[in-house]
Protein backbone atom coordinates (compact mmCIF):
# COMPACT_ATOMS: atom_id res chain seq x y z
CA MET A 1 -0.87 -9.22 -4.92
CA ALA A 2 -4.61 -9.55 -4.83
CA ASP A 3 -4.57 -9.68 -1.01
CA LYS A 4 -2.34 -6.61 -0.86
CA GLU A 5 -4.73 -4.67 -3.09
CA LYS A 6 -7.55 -5.34 -0.58
CA LEU A 7 -5.65 -3.69 2.22
CA HIS A 8 -7.22 -0.61 3.79
CA ARG A 9 -4.15 1.61 3.66
CA THR A 10 -4.61 3.62 6.81
CA THR A 11 -3.17 7.05 7.67
CA ILE A 12 -2.86 5.96 11.31
CA GLY A 13 0.74 5.93 12.44
CA GLY A 14 2.38 5.34 15.80
CA GLN A 15 5.41 5.52 17.96
CA ALA A 16 6.94 3.17 20.52
CA LEU A 17 7.15 4.72 23.98
CA ILE A 18 8.48 3.62 27.33
CA GLU A 19 6.26 0.65 28.25
CA GLY A 20 3.63 1.77 25.79
CA ILE A 21 2.48 2.96 22.35
CA MET A 22 1.27 6.23 20.87
CA MET A 23 -1.10 6.07 17.90
CA LYS A 24 -2.15 9.10 15.84
CA GLY A 25 -5.30 8.85 13.78
CA PRO A 26 -7.07 11.36 11.53
CA GLU A 27 -9.07 12.77 14.42
CA LYS A 28 -7.40 11.77 17.71
CA THR A 29 -4.07 10.84 19.23
CA ALA A 30 -3.96 8.21 21.99
CA MET A 31 -1.25 6.85 24.24
CA ALA A 32 -1.54 3.48 26.00
CA VAL A 33 1.03 2.85 28.75
CA ARG A 34 1.30 -0.14 31.08
CA LYS A 35 1.98 0.88 34.70
CA LYS A 36 4.04 -1.15 37.12
CA ASP A 37 0.89 -2.71 38.61
CA GLY A 38 -0.04 -4.08 35.14
CA GLU A 39 -2.85 -1.66 34.42
CA ILE A 40 -2.95 -0.05 30.96
CA VAL A 41 -3.53 3.70 31.16
CA ILE A 42 -4.98 5.37 28.07
CA GLU A 43 -4.77 9.11 27.44
CA GLU A 44 -6.49 10.70 24.42
CA LYS A 45 -6.60 14.14 22.88
CA GLU A 46 -8.20 15.64 19.80
CA ASN A 47 -5.85 16.51 16.97
CA LYS A 48 -5.43 20.15 16.04
CA GLN A 49 -7.27 21.14 12.87
CA LYS A 50 -4.94 20.86 9.88
CA ARG A 51 -3.87 24.08 8.27
CA TRP A 52 -3.22 24.56 4.56
CA TYR A 53 0.54 23.97 5.08
CA ASN A 54 -0.17 20.54 6.56
CA LYS A 55 -1.71 19.45 3.27
CA VAL A 56 0.40 21.02 0.48
CA PRO A 57 2.89 18.56 -1.05
CA PHE A 58 6.56 19.43 -0.52
CA ILE A 59 5.63 21.84 2.27
CA ARG A 60 3.76 19.46 4.61
CA GLY A 61 6.79 17.16 4.95
CA THR A 62 8.98 19.56 6.93
CA VAL A 63 6.05 20.99 8.91
CA ASN A 64 4.69 17.58 9.88
CA PHE A 65 8.18 16.28 10.69
CA VAL A 66 8.85 19.11 13.16
CA SER A 67 5.40 18.62 14.68
CA GLN A 68 5.87 14.88 15.08
CA LEU A 69 9.28 15.45 16.62
CA ALA A 70 7.79 17.72 19.26
CA ASP A 71 4.89 15.31 19.93
CA GLY A 72 7.34 12.40 20.17
CA TYR A 73 9.31 14.06 22.97
CA TYR A 74 6.10 14.90 24.87
CA TYR A 75 4.74 11.37 24.70
CA LEU A 76 8.08 9.76 25.60
CA SER A 77 8.31 12.00 28.68
CA ARG A 78 4.70 11.31 29.64
CA SER A 79 5.07 7.57 29.19
CA ALA A 80 8.09 7.61 31.49
CA GLU A 81 5.92 9.27 34.15
CA LEU A 82 2.99 6.91 33.79
CA SER A 83 5.06 3.75 33.59
CA GLY A 84 7.00 4.66 36.78
CA VAL A 85 10.35 4.71 34.98
CA ALA A 86 10.81 8.40 35.69
CA GLY A 87 10.48 7.81 39.43
CA ASP A 88 12.06 5.51 41.87
CA ASP A 89 9.29 3.07 42.79
CA GLY A 90 7.16 5.96 43.95
CA GLU A 91 9.74 7.20 46.48
CA GLU A 92 10.49 10.88 46.42
CA GLU A 93 14.05 12.03 46.63
CA GLU A 94 15.01 15.21 48.42
CA MET A 95 15.32 18.08 45.93
CA THR A 96 18.58 19.92 45.54
CA LYS A 97 18.69 23.74 45.92
CA PHE A 98 18.88 24.13 42.15
CA GLU A 99 15.87 21.81 41.65
CA LYS A 100 13.89 23.72 44.23
CA TRP A 101 14.72 27.02 42.54
CA LEU A 102 13.58 25.64 39.18
CA ASP A 103 10.35 24.34 40.74
CA ASP A 104 9.66 27.67 42.39
CA LYS A 105 10.30 29.65 39.22
CA LEU A 106 8.67 27.37 36.63
CA GLY A 107 6.20 25.21 38.59
CA ASP A 108 4.01 23.21 36.23
CA LYS A 109 5.99 24.56 33.24
CA LEU A 110 9.14 22.78 34.43
CA MET A 111 8.52 19.59 32.47
CA GLY A 112 7.83 21.55 29.30
CA ALA A 113 11.04 23.50 29.75
CA VAL A 114 13.01 20.30 30.29
CA MET A 115 11.46 18.72 27.22
CA THR A 116 12.28 21.77 25.10
CA ILE A 117 15.90 21.77 26.24
CA ALA A 118 16.17 18.01 25.58
CA MET A 119 14.71 18.44 22.09
CA VAL A 120 17.12 21.30 21.26
CA LEU A 121 20.08 19.28 22.55
CA GLY A 122 18.93 16.26 20.54
CA VAL A 123 18.67 18.25 17.34
CA ALA A 124 22.08 19.84 18.03
CA LEU A 125 23.64 16.42 18.59
CA ALA A 126 22.12 15.12 15.35
CA ILE A 127 23.54 18.11 13.44
CA VAL A 128 26.99 17.52 14.91
CA LEU A 129 26.93 13.78 14.18
CA PHE A 130 25.40 13.87 10.69
CA VAL A 131 26.64 17.20 9.37
CA PHE A 132 29.89 18.34 11.05
CA VAL A 133 31.55 15.03 11.91
CA PRO A 134 31.44 13.59 8.31
CA THR A 135 32.78 16.95 6.97
CA TRP A 136 35.59 17.00 9.52
CA LEU A 137 36.54 13.41 8.76
CA PHE A 138 36.61 14.15 5.03
CA MET A 139 38.82 17.16 5.59
CA LEU A 140 41.18 14.98 7.70
CA LEU A 141 41.29 12.36 4.93
CA GLN A 142 42.05 15.01 2.32
CA LEU A 143 44.81 16.36 4.59
CA ILE A 144 46.33 12.89 4.93
CA VAL A 145 46.20 12.30 1.14
CA GLY A 146 47.52 15.80 0.45
CA GLU A 147 48.25 16.91 -3.09
CA ALA A 148 48.53 13.30 -4.25
CA ALA A 149 44.79 13.23 -5.02
CA ASP A 150 41.91 15.74 -5.07
CA LEU A 151 39.03 13.94 -3.31
CA SER A 152 36.55 16.90 -3.50
CA PRO A 153 34.43 15.33 -6.28
CA PHE A 154 33.75 12.42 -3.90
CA GLN A 155 33.01 14.48 -0.79
CA SER A 156 29.19 14.21 -0.90
CA LEU A 157 29.37 10.41 -1.51
CA PHE A 158 31.93 9.89 1.23
CA GLU A 159 29.92 11.89 3.77
CA GLY A 160 26.63 10.24 2.80
CA VAL A 161 27.99 6.74 3.22
CA LEU A 162 29.56 7.77 6.56
CA LYS A 163 26.20 9.19 7.78
CA ILE A 164 24.50 5.88 7.02
CA ALA A 165 27.27 3.97 8.82
CA ILE A 166 26.93 6.23 11.90
CA PHE A 167 23.16 5.87 11.88
CA VAL A 168 23.16 2.06 11.52
CA THR A 169 25.90 1.68 14.11
CA TYR A 170 23.98 3.82 16.57
CA MET A 171 20.81 1.78 16.01
CA TRP A 172 22.72 -1.44 16.59
CA VAL A 173 24.52 -0.25 19.74
CA VAL A 174 21.35 1.03 21.48
CA SER A 175 19.47 -2.15 20.52
CA ARG A 176 21.83 -4.07 22.82
CA THR A 177 20.49 -2.40 25.95
CA GLU A 178 17.54 -4.01 27.72
CA SER A 179 15.43 -0.87 28.02
CA ILE A 180 15.77 0.02 24.33
CA ARG A 181 15.12 -3.57 23.35
CA ARG A 182 11.75 -3.41 25.14
CA THR A 183 11.01 -0.19 23.25
CA TYR A 184 11.84 -1.96 20.03
CA GLU A 185 9.40 -4.73 21.01
CA TYR A 186 6.69 -2.14 21.41
CA HIS A 187 7.75 -0.77 17.99
CA GLY A 188 7.13 -4.24 16.55
CA ALA A 189 3.77 -4.40 18.31
CA GLU A 190 2.81 -1.05 16.74
CA HIS A 191 3.60 -2.23 13.21
CA LYS A 192 1.85 -5.57 13.66
CA THR A 193 -1.27 -3.90 14.98
CA ILE A 194 -1.43 -1.42 12.09
CA PHE A 195 -1.08 -4.30 9.60
CA CYS A 196 -3.82 -6.25 11.36
CA TYR A 197 -6.18 -3.23 11.09
CA GLU A 198 -5.25 -2.68 7.44
CA LYS A 199 -6.19 -6.28 6.68
CA GLY A 200 -9.64 -5.77 8.21
CA LEU A 201 -9.10 -8.34 10.97
CA ASP A 202 -10.43 -8.01 14.52
CA LEU A 203 -7.83 -6.39 16.75
CA THR A 204 -7.02 -9.32 19.06
CA VAL A 205 -3.69 -10.59 20.28
CA GLU A 206 -4.24 -13.78 18.28
CA ASN A 207 -4.76 -11.83 15.04
CA VAL A 208 -1.97 -9.33 15.60
CA LYS A 209 0.74 -11.81 16.50
CA PRO A 210 1.19 -13.41 13.03
CA GLN A 211 1.50 -10.04 11.23
CA THR A 212 4.89 -8.79 10.01
CA ARG A 213 6.72 -6.28 12.16
CA PHE A 214 8.17 -4.49 9.13
CA HIS A 215 6.13 -1.55 7.81
CA PRO A 216 7.06 0.75 4.87
CA ARG A 217 5.79 3.87 6.61
CA CYS A 218 8.06 3.49 9.63
CA GLY A 219 9.93 6.50 11.05
CA THR A 220 13.16 4.51 10.86
CA SER A 221 12.60 3.98 7.15
CA PHE A 222 11.93 7.69 6.80
CA ILE A 223 15.23 8.75 8.39
CA PHE A 224 17.13 6.20 6.32
CA LEU A 225 15.37 7.53 3.20
CA VAL A 226 16.40 11.10 4.15
CA LEU A 227 20.01 9.95 4.22
CA LEU A 228 19.78 8.18 0.85
CA ILE A 229 18.02 11.11 -0.83
CA SER A 230 20.57 13.53 0.59
CA ILE A 231 23.34 11.50 -1.12
CA LEU A 232 21.43 11.68 -4.41
CA ILE A 233 20.74 15.41 -4.23
CA TYR A 234 24.27 16.36 -3.15
CA SER A 235 25.67 14.17 -5.92
CA ILE A 236 23.49 15.84 -8.57
CA ALA A 237 24.34 19.29 -7.20
CA PRO A 238 27.74 18.73 -5.59
CA ILE A 239 28.60 21.16 -2.83
CA ASN A 240 32.14 20.66 -1.66
CA ASN A 241 34.71 22.72 0.23
CA GLN A 242 36.92 23.21 -2.84
CA MET A 243 34.02 24.89 -4.63
CA PHE A 244 33.90 27.67 -2.04
CA ILE A 245 37.71 27.95 -1.93
CA ASP A 246 37.89 28.41 -5.71
CA ALA A 247 34.88 30.76 -5.93
CA PHE A 248 35.60 33.02 -2.95
CA GLY A 249 39.23 32.37 -2.02
CA VAL A 250 38.27 31.50 1.58
CA SER A 251 40.15 29.31 4.05
CA ASP A 252 39.43 25.62 4.54
CA GLY A 253 37.69 26.33 7.83
CA LEU A 254 35.40 28.99 6.39
CA ALA A 255 34.72 26.79 3.35
CA MET A 256 33.52 24.08 5.67
CA ILE A 257 31.21 26.47 7.52
CA LEU A 258 29.75 27.78 4.20
CA ARG A 259 29.19 24.22 2.99
CA VAL A 260 27.55 23.08 6.22
CA SER A 261 25.28 26.15 6.12
CA CYS A 262 24.20 25.33 2.54
CA LYS A 263 23.47 21.72 3.57
CA LEU A 264 21.34 22.90 6.51
CA LEU A 265 19.38 25.21 4.19
CA LEU A 266 18.76 22.28 1.85
CA LEU A 267 17.66 19.98 4.70
CA PRO A 268 13.97 21.06 4.59
CA VAL A 269 13.95 20.32 0.88
CA ILE A 270 15.37 16.83 1.41
CA VAL A 271 12.92 16.12 4.27
CA SER A 272 10.01 17.25 2.12
CA ILE A 273 10.99 15.05 -0.79
CA SER A 274 11.55 12.08 1.54
CA TYR A 275 8.12 12.60 3.10
CA GLU A 276 6.37 12.47 -0.27
CA VAL A 277 8.36 9.41 -1.33
CA ILE A 278 7.53 7.44 1.85
CA ARG A 279 3.86 8.37 1.42
CA LEU A 280 3.92 6.79 -2.03
CA ALA A 281 5.68 3.73 -0.65
CA GLY A 282 2.97 3.40 2.00
CA ARG A 283 0.11 3.92 -0.42
CA TYR A 284 1.14 1.71 -3.36
CA ASP A 285 2.66 -1.75 -3.73
CA ASN A 286 4.70 -2.25 -6.91
CA VAL A 287 8.25 -2.94 -8.00
CA ILE A 288 9.35 0.66 -7.59
CA THR A 289 7.85 1.21 -4.11
CA ARG A 290 9.28 -2.15 -2.98
CA ILE A 291 12.78 -1.06 -4.06
CA ILE A 292 12.31 2.26 -2.27
CA SER A 293 11.11 0.53 0.92
CA ALA A 294 13.70 -2.29 0.90
CA PRO A 295 16.60 -0.53 2.76
CA GLY A 296 14.28 0.84 5.48
CA LEU A 297 12.57 -2.51 5.93
CA ALA A 298 15.95 -4.20 6.28
CA LEU A 299 16.95 -1.67 8.94
CA GLN A 300 13.77 -2.43 10.85
CA ARG A 301 15.34 -5.79 11.72
CA LEU A 302 17.39 -3.73 14.17
CA THR A 303 14.70 -1.26 15.35
CA THR A 304 11.79 -3.70 15.78
CA LYS A 305 11.64 -6.89 17.86
CA GLU A 306 8.97 -9.53 18.32
CA PRO A 307 6.56 -8.32 21.01
CA ASP A 308 4.97 -10.31 23.78
CA ASP A 309 1.19 -10.48 24.44
CA LYS A 310 1.18 -7.64 26.96
CA GLU A 311 2.96 -5.30 24.54
CA ILE A 312 0.48 -6.17 21.82
CA GLU A 313 -2.41 -5.46 24.18
CA ALA A 314 -1.05 -1.92 24.74
CA ALA A 315 -0.76 -1.38 21.00
CA ILE A 316 -4.34 -2.58 20.44
CA ALA A 317 -5.60 -0.31 23.19
CA ALA A 318 -3.97 2.73 21.60
CA MET A 319 -5.18 1.74 18.12
CA ASN A 320 -8.81 1.22 19.16
CA ALA A 321 -8.83 4.70 20.69
CA VAL A 322 -7.99 6.44 17.39
CA ILE A 323 -9.90 4.46 14.79
CA PRO A 324 -12.48 6.91 13.31
CA GLU A 325 -16.14 5.96 12.91
CA ASP A 326 -16.00 6.92 9.23
CA LYS A 327 -13.28 4.89 7.50
CA GLU A 328 -13.46 7.21 4.52
CA SER A 329 -11.66 9.84 6.64
CA ASP A 330 -8.81 7.35 7.14
CA LYS A 331 -7.54 6.77 3.61
CA TRP A 332 -4.41 7.90 1.80
């Protein structure tokens, strides 16, 4: 415990990319990507000045989450370009008529448009998987059971457990592919490097390697925490289909739409609460924060893998680029 209290609990966080790492510090954001020839390319940019809504508790959570989501898509796309994954060994393929039309109309804005579409589709897929699918499956279960039992009091619990099952299954399935496994190795390198910095050790491969790859402020832990808190909130204030049917006399289909709409409206509240909770878990080390962090840390056994030396070197390069001169500006 004494050693843990000496940790410099940094605000620096990162993200695993394609053959690289992104680190975001209090002043700068940097991306380090290893090209096919072995060279590590580093790109840096100054962070935008924080507005009042980036600092106010229970407002900053949703704002920062959306901002990080957009940044994440940008850096993933950029890392694919730099690493050579987006191309075919540098060989250009002949463009189709549609691709030529897009290039003529959008030019340099084409990549931004593609990223925006990908982000919108990703959010839409997440809503379908984690909002609509659990509700549809519950309605199917209720239809099978029929009048023999009213399952509506258990709808929030059923859907919450199903969301967690979908999320964990998805993480496990994608971890079996070679490309995602390498990304998970970079994820492990990111966590190890942050821990090494927090312990005040020199950022070398030898010092980073022994560190744990499980960090309480991980994005995976955050998403898992969102799912857990949603179960808690929906259990305290149950919103089920039967409630809308009894109150407004609507059909099952319309009741489902009304319920899903209410859940989407509550999503920013859940994200904001989860953000504050994970900040506390990252800042303090006690029995309560360890209990809060435990499920997310366990899930990181799927989403992080042990990195090799070259992956650690990329993480160190990104980290060194964002460490501020004044450590007082880098505290929780």
